[in-house]
C-alpha atoms as a PDB file:
ATOM      1  CA  MET A   1     280.825  96.681 150.251  1.00  0.00           C
ATOM      2  CA  SER A   2     279.893  98.685 153.580  1.00  0.00           C
ATOM      3  CA  LYS A   3     276.762 100.534 153.438  1.00  0.00           C
ATOM      4  CA  LYS A   4     278.764 103.884 153.321  1.00  0.00           C
ATOM      5  CA  ASN A   5     280.416 103.051 150.344  1.00  0.00           C
ATOM      6  CA  LYS A   6     277.504 101.961 148.323  1.00  0.00           C
ATOM      7  CA  LYS A   7     276.667 105.677 147.358  1.00  0.00           C
ATOM      8  CA  ARG A   8     279.578 106.156 145.528  1.00  0.00           C
ATOM      9  CA  ILE A   9     279.166 106.533 141.872  1.00  0.00           C
ATOM     10  CA  ASN A  10     281.584 105.085 138.761  1.00  0.00           C
ATOM     11  CA  VAL A  11     284.460 104.471 140.982  1.00  0.00           C
ATOM     12  CA  VAL A  12     286.162 101.142 142.408  1.00  0.00           C
ATOM     13  CA  TYR A  13     289.739 102.406 143.451  1.00  0.00           C
ATOM     14  CA  SER A  14     291.497 105.379 143.044  1.00  0.00           C
ATOM     15  CA  THR A  15     295.231 106.022 143.874  1.00  0.00           C
ATOM     16  CA  ASN A  16     294.857 109.666 143.770  1.00  0.00           C
ATOM     17  CA  PRO A  17     295.370 111.072 147.663  1.00  0.00           C
ATOM     18  CA  ASP A  18     293.571 114.106 146.421  1.00  0.00           C
ATOM     19  CA  PHE A  19     290.850 112.217 145.101  1.00  0.00           C
ATOM     20  CA  GLU A  20     287.132 113.166 146.157  1.00  0.00           C
ATOM     21  CA  PHE A  21     284.074 110.634 145.770  1.00  0.00           C
ATOM     22  CA  GLN A  22     281.023 111.467 144.070  1.00  0.00           C
ATOM     23  CA  GLU A  23     278.102 110.320 146.009  1.00  0.00           C
ATOM     24  CA  GLU A  24     274.879 109.929 144.859  1.00  0.00           C
ATOM     25  CA  GLN A  25     272.346 112.445 145.927  1.00  0.00           C
ATOM     26  CA  MET A  26     269.259 111.144 147.937  1.00  0.00           C
ATOM     27  CA  ASP A  27     266.429 113.413 146.943  1.00  0.00           C
ATOM     28  CA  GLU A  28     264.082 113.505 149.931  1.00  0.00           C
ATOM     29  CA  ILE A  29     260.396 113.507 148.551  1.00  0.00           C
ATOM     30  CA  GLU A  30     258.212 116.237 150.599  1.00  0.00           C
ATOM     31  CA  THR A  31     255.035 114.945 151.717  1.00  0.00           C
ATOM     32  CA  LEU A  32     252.054 117.022 150.614  1.00  0.00           C
ATOM     33  CA  PRO A  33     249.545 117.973 153.105  1.00  0.00           C
ATOM     34  CA  ASN A  34     246.516 115.536 153.655  1.00  0.00           C
ATOM     35  CA  ASN A  35     244.037 117.856 152.173  1.00  0.00           C
ATOM     36  CA  GLU A  36     246.384 118.039 148.756  1.00  0.00           C
ATOM     37  CA  GLN A  37     246.828 114.478 148.326  1.00  0.00           C
ATOM     38  CA  LEU A  38     244.340 112.711 145.840  1.00  0.00           C
ATOM     39  CA  LEU A  39     244.337 108.866 146.640  1.00  0.00           C
ATOM     40  CA  TYR A  40     242.429 106.363 144.770  1.00  0.00           C
ATOM     41  CA  VAL A  41     241.183 103.390 146.273  1.00  0.00           C
ATOM     42  CA  SER A  42     240.312  99.979 144.389  1.00  0.00           C
ATOM     43  CA  LEU A  43     239.628  96.519 144.942  1.00  0.00           C
ATOM     44  CA  ASP A  44     242.565  94.172 143.324  1.00  0.00           C
ATOM     45  CA  ARG A  45     242.508  90.316 142.652  1.00  0.00           C
ATOM     46  CA  LYS A  46     244.799  90.206 139.969  1.00  0.00           C
ATOM     47  CA  ASN A  47     248.100  87.897 140.503  1.00  0.00           C
ATOM     48  CA  ARG A  48     247.057  87.100 143.923  1.00  0.00           C
ATOM     49  CA  GLY A  49     245.344  83.611 143.642  1.00  0.00           C
ATOM     50  CA  GLY A  50     241.759  84.903 144.236  1.00  0.00           C
ATOM     51  CA  LYS A  51     242.535  86.572 147.101  1.00  0.00           C
ATOM     52  CA  GLU A  52     241.347  90.253 147.483  1.00  0.00           C
ATOM     53  CA  VAL A  53     243.174  93.236 148.435  1.00  0.00           C
ATOM     54  CA  THR A  54     242.278  96.979 149.180  1.00  0.00           C
ATOM     55  CA  LEU A  55     244.834  99.104 147.155  1.00  0.00           C
ATOM     56  CA  VAL A  56     245.524 102.725 147.937  1.00  0.00           C
ATOM     57  CA  GLU A  57     247.229 104.526 145.098  1.00  0.00           C
ATOM     58  CA  GLY A  58     248.265 108.118 144.456  1.00  0.00           C
ATOM     59  CA  PHE A  59     250.507 108.919 147.590  1.00  0.00           C
ATOM     60  CA  ILE A  60     252.839 111.631 147.194  1.00  0.00           C
ATOM     61  CA  GLY A  61     255.731 111.824 149.970  1.00  0.00           C
ATOM     62  CA  ALA A  62     258.377 110.194 151.874  1.00  0.00           C
ATOM     63  CA  GLU A  63     258.563 106.422 152.326  1.00  0.00           C
ATOM     64  CA  ILE A  64     258.183 106.453 156.066  1.00  0.00           C
ATOM     65  CA  ASP A  65     254.829 108.686 155.572  1.00  0.00           C
ATOM     66  CA  VAL A  66     253.621 106.035 153.274  1.00  0.00           C
ATOM     67  CA  LYS A  67     254.399 103.214 156.027  1.00  0.00           C
ATOM     68  CA  ASP A  68     252.646 105.243 158.829  1.00  0.00           C
ATOM     69  CA  LEU A  69     249.346 105.950 156.652  1.00  0.00           C
ATOM     70  CA  SER A  70     249.659 102.038 155.818  1.00  0.00           C
ATOM     71  CA  LYS A  71     250.090 101.366 159.680  1.00  0.00           C
ATOM     72  CA  VAL A  72     247.060 103.445 160.819  1.00  0.00           C
ATOM     73  CA  LEU A  73     244.726 101.445 158.078  1.00  0.00           C
ATOM     74  CA  LYS A  74     246.071  97.965 158.932  1.00  0.00           C
ATOM     75  CA  ASN A  75     245.513  98.714 162.694  1.00  0.00           C
ATOM     76  CA  LYS A  76     241.896 100.307 162.272  1.00  0.00           C
ATOM     77  CA  PHE A  77     240.881  97.178 160.231  1.00  0.00           C
ATOM     78  CA  GLY A  78     242.877  94.749 162.252  1.00  0.00           C
ATOM     79  CA  VAL A  79     244.223  93.331 159.139  1.00  0.00           C
ATOM     80  CA  GLY A  80     247.845  92.716 157.550  1.00  0.00           C
ATOM     81  CA  GLY A  81     248.984  94.498 154.364  1.00  0.00           C
ATOM     82  CA  SER A  82     252.091  95.961 152.738  1.00  0.00           C
ATOM     83  CA  VAL A  83     253.595  98.873 150.891  1.00  0.00           C
ATOM     84  CA  LYS A  84     254.912  98.915 147.350  1.00  0.00           C
ATOM     85  CA  LYS A  85     256.775 101.942 146.588  1.00  0.00           C
ATOM     86  CA  THR A  86     253.799 104.701 146.939  1.00  0.00           C
ATOM     87  CA  ASP A  87     251.094 101.833 146.918  1.00  0.00           C
ATOM     88  CA  ILE A  88     249.443 100.582 149.990  1.00  0.00           C
ATOM     89  CA  LEU A  89     248.035  96.898 150.187  1.00  0.00           C
ATOM     90  CA  ILE A  90     245.558  95.835 152.563  1.00  0.00           C
ATOM     91  CA  GLN A  91     244.538  92.514 152.990  1.00  0.00           C
ATOM     92  CA  GLY A  92     240.735  91.801 152.333  1.00  0.00           C
ATOM     93  CA  ASN A  93     237.966  94.083 150.961  1.00  0.00           C
ATOM     94  CA  PHE A  94     238.033  96.993 153.007  1.00  0.00           C
ATOM     95  CA  VAL A  95     237.342  99.883 149.999  1.00  0.00           C
ATOM     96  CA  LYS A  96     234.400 101.402 151.967  1.00  0.00           C
ATOM     97  CA  LYS A  97     235.721 101.602 154.954  1.00  0.00           C
ATOM     98  CA  THR A  98     239.276 102.537 153.837  1.00  0.00           C
ATOM     99  CA  ILE A  99     237.326 105.606 151.791  1.00  0.00           C
ATOM    100  CA  GLN A 100     235.618 106.830 155.010  1.00  0.00           C
ATOM    101  CA  LYS A 101     238.725 106.827 157.075  1.00  0.00           C
ATOM    102  CA  LEU A 102     240.930 108.528 154.643  1.00  0.00           C
ATOM    103  CA  MET A 103     238.343 111.274 154.510  1.00  0.00           C
ATOM    104  CA  GLU A 104     238.063 111.414 158.337  1.00  0.00           C
ATOM    105  CA  MET A 105     241.986 111.895 157.877  1.00  0.00           C
ATOM    106  CA  GLY A 106     241.481 114.834 155.615  1.00  0.00           C
ATOM    107  CA  TYR A 107     242.418 113.314 152.384  1.00  0.00           C
ATOM    108  CA  ARG A 108     240.873 113.650 149.129  1.00  0.00           C
ATOM    109  CA  VAL A 109     239.454 110.069 148.111  1.00  0.00           C
ATOM    110  CA  LYS A 110     238.326 108.700 144.719  1.00  0.00           C
ATOM    111  CA  GLN A 111     237.207 104.970 144.110  1.00  0.00           C
ATOM    112  CA  LYS A 112     238.340 103.213 141.229  1.00  0.00           C
ATOM    113  CA  GLY A 113     236.629 100.296 139.562  1.00  0.00           C
ATOM    114  CA  GLY A 114     232.981  99.235 139.895  1.00  0.00           C
ATOM    115  CA  ALA A 115     230.851  98.399 142.950  1.00  0.00           C
END
């Protein structure tokens, strides 16, 4: 199935020449300004084979903006990472540095967990 047809809902085929397909509406989430965002930063080791990952949660906005923020953080620390939905994963223990960088960028930040 081509990409243009994937958004059609509940129709496989129609013989009606006047038929109009219903297409799924893609709601773009509007990204909140930096000073209105509340991000939670924590260190995560669960299901990662003992490896440490800095986890940034709570971003509200478009997927492209989450990816841009992730790219800024990964470039700042010179490490890899990924984005899962609205969570940013940064390889390694960079909790303190991540909090500092996000505050410099104007985000409100809270640390989750101890240490």
